[in-house]
PDB file of N, CA and C in Angstrom:
ATOM      1  N   MET A   1       0.733  -1.158   0.009  1.00  0.00           N
ATOM      2  CA  MET A   1      -0.016  -0.035   0.043  1.00  0.00           C
ATOM      3  C   MET A   1       0.848   1.418   0.044  1.00  0.00           C
ATOM      4  N   ASN A   2       1.979   1.171   0.586  1.00  0.00           N
ATOM      5  CA  ASN A   2       2.819   2.338   0.633  1.00  0.00           C
ATOM      6  C   ASN A   2       3.374   2.620  -0.578  1.00  0.00           C
ATOM      7  N   ALA A   3       3.688   1.638  -1.561  1.00  0.00           N
ATOM      8  CA  ALA A   3       4.227   1.998  -2.795  1.00  0.00           C
ATOM      9  C   ALA A   3       3.318   2.631  -3.729  1.00  0.00           C
ATOM     10  N   GLN A   4       2.000   2.340  -3.376  1.00  0.00           N
ATOM     11  CA  GLN A   4       0.857   2.821  -4.156  1.00  0.00           C
ATOM     12  C   GLN A   4       0.819   4.495  -3.979  1.00  0.00           C
ATOM     13  N   ARG A   5       1.294   4.828  -2.872  1.00  0.00           N
ATOM     14  CA  ARG A   5       1.116   6.298  -2.539  1.00  0.00           C
ATOM     15  C   ARG A   5       2.510   6.926  -2.898  1.00  0.00           C
ATOM     16  N   ALA A   6       3.521   6.262  -2.926  1.00  0.00           N
ATOM     17  CA  ALA A   6       4.942   6.859  -3.497  1.00  0.00           C
ATOM     18  C   ALA A   6       4.775   7.263  -5.003  1.00  0.00           C
ATOM     19  N   VAL A   7       4.283   6.584  -5.835  1.00  0.00           N
ATOM     20  CA  VAL A   7       4.203   6.842  -7.260  1.00  0.00           C
ATOM     21  C   VAL A   7       3.438   8.231  -7.493  1.00  0.00           C
ATOM     22  N   PRO A   8       2.259   8.491  -7.008  1.00  0.00           N
ATOM     23  CA  PRO A   8       1.744   9.778  -7.214  1.00  0.00           C
ATOM     24  C   PRO A   8       2.477  10.875  -6.614  1.00  0.00           C
ATOM     25  N   ALA A   9       3.116  10.665  -5.326  1.00  0.00           N
ATOM     26  CA  ALA A   9       3.887  11.539  -4.799  1.00  0.00           C
ATOM     27  C   ALA A   9       5.273  11.945  -5.725  1.00  0.00           C
ATOM     28  N   LEU A  10       5.790  11.065  -6.124  1.00  0.00           N
ATOM     29  CA  LEU A  10       6.898  11.100  -7.004  1.00  0.00           C
ATOM     30  C   LEU A  10       6.424  11.903  -8.214  1.00  0.00           C
ATOM     31  N   LEU A  11       5.424  11.592  -8.824  1.00  0.00           N
ATOM     32  CA  LEU A  11       4.982  12.258  -9.913  1.00  0.00           C
ATOM     33  C   LEU A  11       4.645  13.814  -9.694  1.00  0.00           C
ATOM     34  N   LEU A  12       3.972  14.033  -8.495  1.00  0.00           N
ATOM     35  CA  LEU A  12       3.756  15.456  -8.119  1.00  0.00           C
ATOM     36  C   LEU A  12       5.255  16.217  -7.945  1.00  0.00           C
ATOM     37  N   VAL A  13       6.138  15.555  -7.365  1.00  0.00           N
ATOM     38  CA  VAL A  13       7.378  16.166  -7.160  1.00  0.00           C
ATOM     39  C   VAL A  13       8.237  16.432  -8.568  1.00  0.00           C
ATOM     40  N   LEU A  14       8.017  15.641  -9.369  1.00  0.00           N
ATOM     41  CA  LEU A  14       8.671  15.839 -10.846  1.00  0.00           C
ATOM     42  C   LEU A  14       7.813  16.899 -11.514  1.00  0.00           C
ATOM     43  N   LEU A  15       6.478  17.028 -11.386  1.00  0.00           N
ATOM     44  CA  LEU A  15       5.688  18.036 -11.828  1.00  0.00           C
ATOM     45  C   LEU A  15       6.267  19.429 -11.321  1.00  0.00           C
ATOM     46  N   ALA A  16       6.473  19.514 -10.140  1.00  0.00           N
ATOM     47  CA  ALA A  16       6.715  20.698  -9.360  1.00  0.00           C
ATOM     48  C   ALA A  16       8.118  21.091  -9.877  1.00  0.00           C
ATOM     49  N   ILE A  17       9.079  20.076 -10.178  1.00  0.00           N
ATOM     50  CA  ILE A  17      10.426  20.426 -10.677  1.00  0.00           C
ATOM     51  C   ILE A  17      10.227  21.120 -12.043  1.00  0.00           C
ATOM     52  N   ILE A  18       9.546  20.518 -12.830  1.00  0.00           N
ATOM     53  CA  ILE A  18       9.351  20.993 -14.164  1.00  0.00           C
ATOM     54  C   ILE A  18       8.672  22.248 -14.223  1.00  0.00           C
ATOM     55  N   GLN A  19       7.774  22.496 -13.330  1.00  0.00           N
ATOM     56  CA  GLN A  19       6.906  24.030 -13.316  1.00  0.00           C
ATOM     57  C   GLN A  19       8.091  24.999 -12.679  1.00  0.00           C
ATOM     58  N   ALA A  20       8.803  24.435 -11.776  1.00  0.00           N
ATOM     59  CA  ALA A  20       9.887  25.486 -11.171  1.00  0.00           C
ATOM     60  C   ALA A  20      10.804  25.782 -12.379  1.00  0.00           C
ATOM     61  N   GLN A  21      11.319  24.936 -13.127  1.00  0.00           N
ATOM     62  CA  GLN A  21      12.213  25.142 -14.207  1.00  0.00           C
ATOM     63  C   GLN A  21      11.693  26.101 -15.241  1.00  0.00           C
ATOM     64  N   LEU A  22      10.294  25.855 -15.563  1.00  0.00           N
ATOM     65  CA  LEU A  22       9.617  26.537 -16.636  1.00  0.00           C
ATOM     66  C   LEU A  22       9.388  28.057 -16.089  1.00  0.00           C
ATOM     67  N   TRP A  23       9.081  28.357 -14.746  1.00  0.00           N
ATOM     68  CA  TRP A  23       8.887  29.772 -14.446  1.00  0.00           C
ATOM     69  C   TRP A  23      10.260  30.464 -13.746  1.00  0.00           C
ATOM     70  N   LEU A  24      11.263  29.629 -13.298  1.00  0.00           N
ATOM     71  CA  LEU A  24      12.266  30.263 -12.532  1.00  0.00           C
ATOM     72  C   LEU A  24      13.718  30.034 -13.264  1.00  0.00           C
ATOM     73  N   GLY A  25      13.623  28.851 -14.020  1.00  0.00           N
ATOM     74  CA  GLY A  25      15.068  28.331 -14.652  1.00  0.00           C
ATOM     75  C   GLY A  25      15.501  29.246 -15.824  1.00  0.00           C
ATOM     76  N   ARG A  26      16.620  28.753 -16.401  1.00  0.00           N
ATOM     77  CA  ARG A  26      17.186  29.186 -17.456  1.00  0.00           C
ATOM     78  C   ARG A  26      16.081  29.155 -18.673  1.00  0.00           C
ATOM     79  N   GLY A  27      15.891  30.218 -19.549  1.00  0.00           N
ATOM     80  CA  GLY A  27      14.872  30.128 -20.473  1.00  0.00           C
ATOM     81  C   GLY A  27      13.613  30.126 -20.067  1.00  0.00           C
ATOM     82  N   ASN A  28      13.341  30.822 -18.804  1.00  0.00           N
ATOM     83  CA  ASN A  28      11.879  30.845 -18.403  1.00  0.00           C
ATOM     84  C   ASN A  28      11.009  31.705 -19.130  1.00  0.00           C
ATOM     85  N   LEU A  29       9.804  31.819 -18.874  1.00  0.00           N
ATOM     86  CA  LEU A  29       8.863  32.593 -19.701  1.00  0.00           C
ATOM     87  C   LEU A  29       9.057  34.030 -19.715  1.00  0.00           C
ATOM     88  N   GLY A  30       9.500  34.619 -18.536  1.00  0.00           N
ATOM     89  CA  GLY A  30       9.870  36.142 -18.520  1.00  0.00           C
ATOM     90  C   GLY A  30      10.901  36.412 -19.482  1.00  0.00           C
ATOM     91  N   GLU A  31      12.100  35.519 -19.369  1.00  0.00           N
ATOM     92  CA  GLU A  31      13.328  35.632 -20.209  1.00  0.00           C
ATOM     93  C   GLU A  31      12.908  35.678 -21.710  1.00  0.00           C
ATOM     94  N   VAL A  32      11.996  34.695 -22.125  1.00  0.00           N
ATOM     95  CA  VAL A  32      11.699  34.534 -23.347  1.00  0.00           C
ATOM     96  C   VAL A  32      10.896  35.688 -23.899  1.00  0.00           C
ATOM     97  N   ALA A  33       9.938  36.195 -23.151  1.00  0.00           N
ATOM     98  CA  ALA A  33       9.209  37.328 -23.476  1.00  0.00           C
ATOM     99  C   ALA A  33      10.228  38.530 -23.768  1.00  0.00           C
ATOM    100  N   GLU A  34      11.100  38.820 -22.918  1.00  0.00           N
ATOM    101  CA  GLU A  34      12.124  39.813 -22.934  1.00  0.00           C
ATOM    102  C   GLU A  34      12.813  39.790 -24.189  1.00  0.00           C
ATOM    103  N   LEU A  35      13.382  38.493 -24.436  1.00  0.00           N
ATOM    104  CA  LEU A  35      14.139  38.317 -25.616  1.00  0.00           C
ATOM    105  C   LEU A  35      13.177  38.539 -27.015  1.00  0.00           C
ATOM    106  N   ASN A  36      12.033  38.194 -26.862  1.00  0.00           N
ATOM    107  CA  ASN A  36      11.151  38.637 -28.064  1.00  0.00           C
ATOM    108  C   ASN A  36      10.942  39.922 -28.216  1.00  0.00           C
ATOM    109  N   ARG A  37      10.803  40.750 -27.201  1.00  0.00           N
ATOM    110  CA  ARG A  37      10.738  42.187 -27.183  1.00  0.00           C
ATOM    111  C   ARG A  37      11.967  42.641 -27.950  1.00  0.00           C
ATOM    112  N   LYS A  38      13.105  42.357 -27.404  1.00  0.00           N
ATOM    113  CA  LYS A  38      14.357  42.755 -27.922  1.00  0.00           C
ATOM    114  C   LYS A  38      14.526  42.588 -29.514  1.00  0.00           C
ATOM    115  N   LEU A  39      14.025  41.153 -29.855  1.00  0.00           N
ATOM    116  CA  LEU A  39      14.085  40.535 -31.216  1.00  0.00           C
ATOM    117  C   LEU A  39      13.177  41.576 -32.188  1.00  0.00           C
ATOM    118  N   GLN A  40      11.988  41.944 -31.629  1.00  0.00           N
ATOM    119  CA  GLN A  40      11.233  42.782 -32.526  1.00  0.00           C
ATOM    120  C   GLN A  40      11.773  44.169 -32.575  1.00  0.00           C
ATOM    121  N   ALA A  41      12.428  44.851 -31.561  1.00  0.00           N
ATOM    122  CA  ALA A  41      13.019  46.201 -31.674  1.00  0.00           C
ATOM    123  C   ALA A  41      14.183  46.082 -32.585  1.00  0.00           C
ATOM    124  N   GLN A  42      14.984  44.934 -32.675  1.00  0.00           N
ATOM    125  CA  GLN A  42      16.088  44.890 -33.475  1.00  0.00           C
ATOM    126  C   GLN A  42      15.746  44.694 -34.925  1.00  0.00           C
ATOM    127  N   GLN A  43      14.615  43.874 -35.192  1.00  0.00           N
ATOM    128  CA  GLN A  43      14.143  43.732 -36.554  1.00  0.00           C
ATOM    129  C   GLN A  43      13.531  44.982 -37.124  1.00  0.00           C
ATOM    130  N   ALA A  44      12.960  45.722 -36.297  1.00  0.00           N
ATOM    131  CA  ALA A  44      12.502  47.157 -36.802  1.00  0.00           C
ATOM    132  C   ALA A  44      13.788  48.039 -37.172  1.00  0.00           C
ATOM    133  N   ALA A  45      14.784  48.061 -36.292  1.00  0.00           N
ATOM    134  CA  ALA A  45      15.947  48.706 -36.511  1.00  0.00           C
ATOM    135  C   ALA A  45      16.722  48.238 -37.724  1.00  0.00           C
ATOM    136  N   ASN A  46      16.598  46.872 -38.023  1.00  0.00           N
ATOM    137  CA  ASN A  46      17.251  46.381 -39.161  1.00  0.00           C
ATOM    138  C   ASN A  46      16.430  46.751 -40.428  1.00  0.00           C
ATOM    139  N   GLN A  47      15.150  46.855 -40.443  1.00  0.00           N
ATOM    140  CA  GLN A  47      14.356  47.381 -41.493  1.00  0.00           C
ATOM    141  C   GLN A  47      14.615  48.850 -41.911  1.00  0.00           C
ATOM    142  N   GLN A  48      14.737  49.685 -40.878  1.00  0.00           N
ATOM    143  CA  GLN A  48      15.146  51.001 -41.169  1.00  0.00           C
ATOM    144  C   GLN A  48      16.473  51.099 -41.789  1.00  0.00           C
ATOM    145  N   ALA A  49      17.435  50.295 -41.310  1.00  0.00           N
ATOM    146  CA  ALA A  49      18.862  50.331 -41.838  1.00  0.00           C
ATOM    147  C   ALA A  49      18.755  49.775 -43.324  1.00  0.00           C
ATOM    148  N   GLN A  50      18.098  48.767 -43.511  1.00  0.00           N
ATOM    149  CA  GLN A  50      17.841  48.076 -44.858  1.00  0.00           C
ATOM    150  C   GLN A  50      17.388  49.230 -45.919  1.00  0.00           C
ATOM    151  N   ALA A  51      16.286  49.983 -45.461  1.00  0.00           N
ATOM    152  CA  ALA A  51      15.726  50.875 -46.395  1.00  0.00           C
ATOM    153  C   ALA A  51      16.732  52.122 -46.637  1.00  0.00           C
ATOM    154  N   ALA A  52      17.555  52.430 -45.630  1.00  0.00           N
ATOM    155  CA  ALA A  52      18.615  53.354 -45.753  1.00  0.00           C
ATOM    156  C   ALA A  52      19.739  52.982 -46.791  1.00  0.00           C
ATOM    157  N   ASN A  53      19.968  51.646 -46.568  1.00  0.00           N
ATOM    158  CA  ASN A  53      20.979  51.039 -47.485  1.00  0.00           C
ATOM    159  C   ASN A  53      20.550  50.928 -48.893  1.00  0.00           C
ATOM    160  N   GLU A  54      19.151  50.646 -49.051  1.00  0.00           N
ATOM    161  CA  GLU A  54      18.662  50.612 -50.367  1.00  0.00           C
ATOM    162  C   GLU A  54      18.733  51.927 -51.183  1.00  0.00           C
ATOM    163  N   ARG A  55      18.332  52.998 -50.289  1.00  0.00           N
ATOM    164  CA  ARG A  55      18.410  54.339 -50.955  1.00  0.00           C
ATOM    165  C   ARG A  55      19.875  54.620 -51.329  1.00  0.00           C
ATOM    166  N   LEU A  56      20.746  54.382 -50.485  1.00  0.00           N
ATOM    167  CA  LEU A  56      22.080  54.764 -50.776  1.00  0.00           C
ATOM    168  C   LEU A  56      22.541  53.924 -51.957  1.00  0.00           C
ATOM    169  N   ALA A  57      22.214  52.642 -52.014  1.00  0.00           N
ATOM    170  CA  ALA A  57      22.736  51.787 -53.172  1.00  0.00           C
ATOM    171  C   ALA A  57      22.081  52.280 -54.373  1.00  0.00           C
ATOM    172  N   SER A  58      20.985  52.692 -54.433  1.00  0.00           N
ATOM    173  CA  SER A  58      20.113  53.530 -55.654  1.00  0.00           C
ATOM    174  C   SER A  58      21.121  54.544 -55.988  1.00  0.00           C
ATOM    175  N   GLU A  59      21.353  55.425 -55.138  1.00  0.00           N
ATOM    176  CA  GLU A  59      21.995  56.573 -55.614  1.00  0.00           C
ATOM    177  C   GLU A  59      23.535  56.334 -56.107  1.00  0.00           C
ATOM    178  N   VAL A  60      24.145  55.405 -55.605  1.00  0.00           N
ATOM    179  CA  VAL A  60      25.387  54.832 -55.981  1.00  0.00           C
ATOM    180  C   VAL A  60      25.321  54.332 -57.375  1.00  0.00           C
ATOM    181  N   ARG A  61      24.311  53.485 -57.683  1.00  0.00           N
ATOM    182  CA  ARG A  61      24.002  52.997 -59.055  1.00  0.00           C
ATOM    183  C   ARG A  61      23.697  54.134 -59.972  1.00  0.00           C
ATOM    184  N   ASP A  62      22.918  54.905 -59.540  1.00  0.00           N
ATOM    185  CA  ASP A  62      22.741  56.119 -60.542  1.00  0.00           C
ATOM    186  C   ASP A  62      23.930  56.889 -60.906  1.00  0.00           C
ATOM    187  N   LEU A  63      24.837  57.078 -59.938  1.00  0.00           N
ATOM    188  CA  LEU A  63      26.117  57.871 -60.169  1.00  0.00           C
ATOM    189  C   LEU A  63      27.049  56.985 -61.042  1.00  0.00           C
ATOM    190  N   GLN A  64      27.070  55.679 -60.651  1.00  0.00           N
ATOM    191  CA  GLN A  64      28.039  54.785 -61.419  1.00  0.00           C
ATOM    192  C   GLN A  64      27.730  54.484 -62.968  1.00  0.00           C
ATOM    193  N   GLU A  65      26.368  54.233 -63.058  1.00  0.00           N
ATOM    194  CA  GLU A  65      25.856  53.660 -64.405  1.00  0.00           C
ATOM    195  C   GLU A  65      25.601  54.764 -65.443  1.00  0.00           C
ATOM    196  N   GLY A  66      25.108  55.966 -64.996  1.00  0.00           N
ATOM    197  CA  GLY A  66      24.825  57.019 -66.059  1.00  0.00           C
ATOM    198  C   GLY A  66      25.234  58.140 -65.531  1.00  0.00           C
ATOM    199  N   LEU A  67      25.475  59.103 -66.405  1.00  0.00           N
ATOM    200  CA  LEU A  67      25.756  60.379 -66.103  1.00  0.00           C
ATOM    201  C   LEU A  67      24.510  61.233 -66.363  1.00  0.00           C
ATOM    202  N   ASP A  68      23.439  60.801 -66.389  1.00  0.00           N
ATOM    203  CA  ASP A  68      22.283  61.512 -66.853  1.00  0.00           C
ATOM    204  C   ASP A  68      21.770  62.350 -65.856  1.00  0.00           C
ATOM    205  N   THR A  69      21.795  61.983 -64.615  1.00  0.00           N
ATOM    206  CA  THR A  69      21.337  62.861 -63.412  1.00  0.00           C
ATOM    207  C   THR A  69      22.514  63.976 -63.300  1.00  0.00           C
ATOM    208  N   VAL A  70      23.716  63.620 -63.512  1.00  0.00           N
ATOM    209  CA  VAL A  70      24.720  64.772 -63.279  1.00  0.00           C
ATOM    210  C   VAL A  70      24.477  65.663 -64.516  1.00  0.00           C
ATOM    211  N   GLU A  71      24.339  65.179 -65.711  1.00  0.00           N
ATOM    212  CA  GLU A  71      24.180  66.163 -66.737  1.00  0.00           C
ATOM    213  C   GLU A  71      22.880  66.973 -66.571  1.00  0.00           C
ATOM    214  N   GLU A  72      21.834  66.374 -66.133  1.00  0.00           N
ATOM    215  CA  GLU A  72      20.706  67.161 -66.014  1.00  0.00           C
ATOM    216  C   GLU A  72      20.850  68.240 -65.020  1.00  0.00           C
ATOM    217  N   LYS A  73      21.571  67.985 -63.877  1.00  0.00           N
ATOM    218  CA  LYS A  73      21.682  68.932 -62.789  1.00  0.00           C
ATOM    219  C   LYS A  73      22.627  70.024 -63.481  1.00  0.00           C
ATOM    220  N   ALA A  74      23.723  69.690 -64.106  1.00  0.00           N
ATOM    221  CA  ALA A  74      24.595  70.637 -64.603  1.00  0.00           C
ATOM    222  C   ALA A  74      23.951  71.529 -65.774  1.00  0.00           C
ATOM    223  N   ARG A  75      23.010  71.049 -66.496  1.00  0.00           N
ATOM    224  CA  ARG A  75      22.380  71.864 -67.513  1.00  0.00           C
ATOM    225  C   ARG A  75      21.261  72.810 -66.856  1.00  0.00           C
ATOM    226  N   LEU A  76      20.572  72.259 -65.930  1.00  0.00           N
ATOM    227  CA  LEU A  76      19.373  73.037 -65.245  1.00  0.00           C
ATOM    228  C   LEU A  76      20.002  74.029 -64.118  1.00  0.00           C
ATOM    229  N   GLU A  77      20.896  73.645 -63.334  1.00  0.00           N
ATOM    230  CA  GLU A  77      21.311  74.431 -62.239  1.00  0.00           C
ATOM    231  C   GLU A  77      22.576  75.279 -62.471  1.00  0.00           C
ATOM    232  N   LEU A  78      23.358  74.708 -63.398  1.00  0.00           N
ATOM    233  CA  LEU A  78      24.607  75.562 -63.823  1.00  0.00           C
ATOM    234  C   LEU A  78      24.593  76.155 -65.241  1.00  0.00           C
ATOM    235  N   GLY A  79      23.572  75.837 -66.066  1.00  0.00           N
ATOM    236  CA  GLY A  79      23.389  76.414 -67.296  1.00  0.00           C
ATOM    237  C   GLY A  79      24.573  75.892 -68.237  1.00  0.00           C
ATOM    238  N   MET A  80      25.159  74.770 -68.014  1.00  0.00           N
ATOM    239  CA  MET A  80      26.250  74.169 -68.806  1.00  0.00           C
ATOM    240  C   MET A  80      25.799  73.533 -70.066  1.00  0.00           C
ATOM    241  N   VAL A  81      26.421  73.677 -71.230  1.00  0.00           N
ATOM    242  CA  VAL A  81      26.195  73.105 -72.470  1.00  0.00           C
ATOM    243  C   VAL A  81      27.325  72.308 -73.083  1.00  0.00           C
ATOM    244  N   ARG A  82      27.123  71.340 -73.866  1.00  0.00           N
ATOM    245  CA  ARG A  82      28.236  70.671 -74.488  1.00  0.00           C
ATOM    246  C   ARG A  82      28.965  71.639 -75.617  1.00  0.00           C
ATOM    247  N   PRO A  83      30.168  71.382 -75.982  1.00  0.00           N
ATOM    248  CA  PRO A  83      30.869  72.180 -76.842  1.00  0.00           C
ATOM    249  C   PRO A  83      30.319  72.209 -78.171  1.00  0.00           C
ATOM    250  N   ASP A  84      29.582  71.215 -78.648  1.00  0.00           N
ATOM    251  CA  ASP A  84      29.060  71.159 -80.035  1.00  0.00           C
ATOM    252  C   ASP A  84      27.521  71.700 -80.065  1.00  0.00           C
ATOM    253  N   GLU A  85      26.957  72.266 -78.918  1.00  0.00           N
ATOM    254  CA  GLU A  85      25.640  72.740 -78.805  1.00  0.00           C
ATOM    255  C   GLU A  85      25.547  74.175 -78.828  1.00  0.00           C
ATOM    256  N   VAL A  86      24.391  74.641 -79.146  1.00  0.00           N
ATOM    257  CA  VAL A  86      24.185  76.150 -79.081  1.00  0.00           C
ATOM    258  C   VAL A  86      22.991  76.123 -78.062  1.00  0.00           C
ATOM    259  N   PHE A  87      23.130  77.054 -77.116  1.00  0.00           N
ATOM    260  CA  PHE A  87      22.121  77.256 -76.084  1.00  0.00           C
ATOM    261  C   PHE A  87      21.137  78.370 -76.445  1.00  0.00           C
ATOM    262  N   VAL A  88      20.095  78.153 -76.593  1.00  0.00           N
ATOM    263  CA  VAL A  88      18.916  78.984 -76.999  1.00  0.00           C
ATOM    264  C   VAL A  88      17.964  79.155 -75.828  1.00  0.00           C
ATOM    265  N   GLN A  89      17.706  80.222 -75.340  1.00  0.00           N
ATOM    266  CA  GLN A  89      16.762  80.493 -74.294  1.00  0.00           C
ATOM    267  C   GLN A  89      15.554  81.240 -74.795  1.00  0.00           C
ATOM    268  N   ILE A  90      14.349  80.876 -74.425  1.00  0.00           N
ATOM    269  CA  ILE A  90      13.070  81.490 -75.042  1.00  0.00           C
ATOM    270  C   ILE A  90      12.465  82.074 -73.772  1.00  0.00           C
ATOM    271  N   ALA A  91      12.440  83.517 -73.757  1.00  0.00           N
ATOM    272  CA  ALA A  91      11.754  84.139 -72.715  1.00  0.00           C
ATOM    273  C   ALA A  91      10.163  84.224 -73.093  1.00  0.00           C
ATOM    274  N   ARG A  92       9.439  84.047 -71.963  1.00  0.00           N
ATOM    275  CA  ARG A  92       7.968  84.229 -72.197  1.00  0.00           C
ATOM    276  C   ARG A  92       7.445  85.323 -71.401  1.00  0.00           C
TER     277      ARG A  92
END
């Protein structure tokens, strides 16, 4: 009869140990929640950095691949023309 009471008691002790580990041990629920919050904050920061990187990469590509943007700015802002062109301005 004594062995029949020992099995449920042993199971209750094991259950208590598992619960203690879940709530108080390494990787407990509070720690996991905090790590999830940190992960979400880092992912948001990464998305912002990725967007900034994409903008910069686009600007670099524009400057490397073509001089269209540079030429347009030189013409509009500085009034520059090519040596073989004649600049005509129509006043309205």
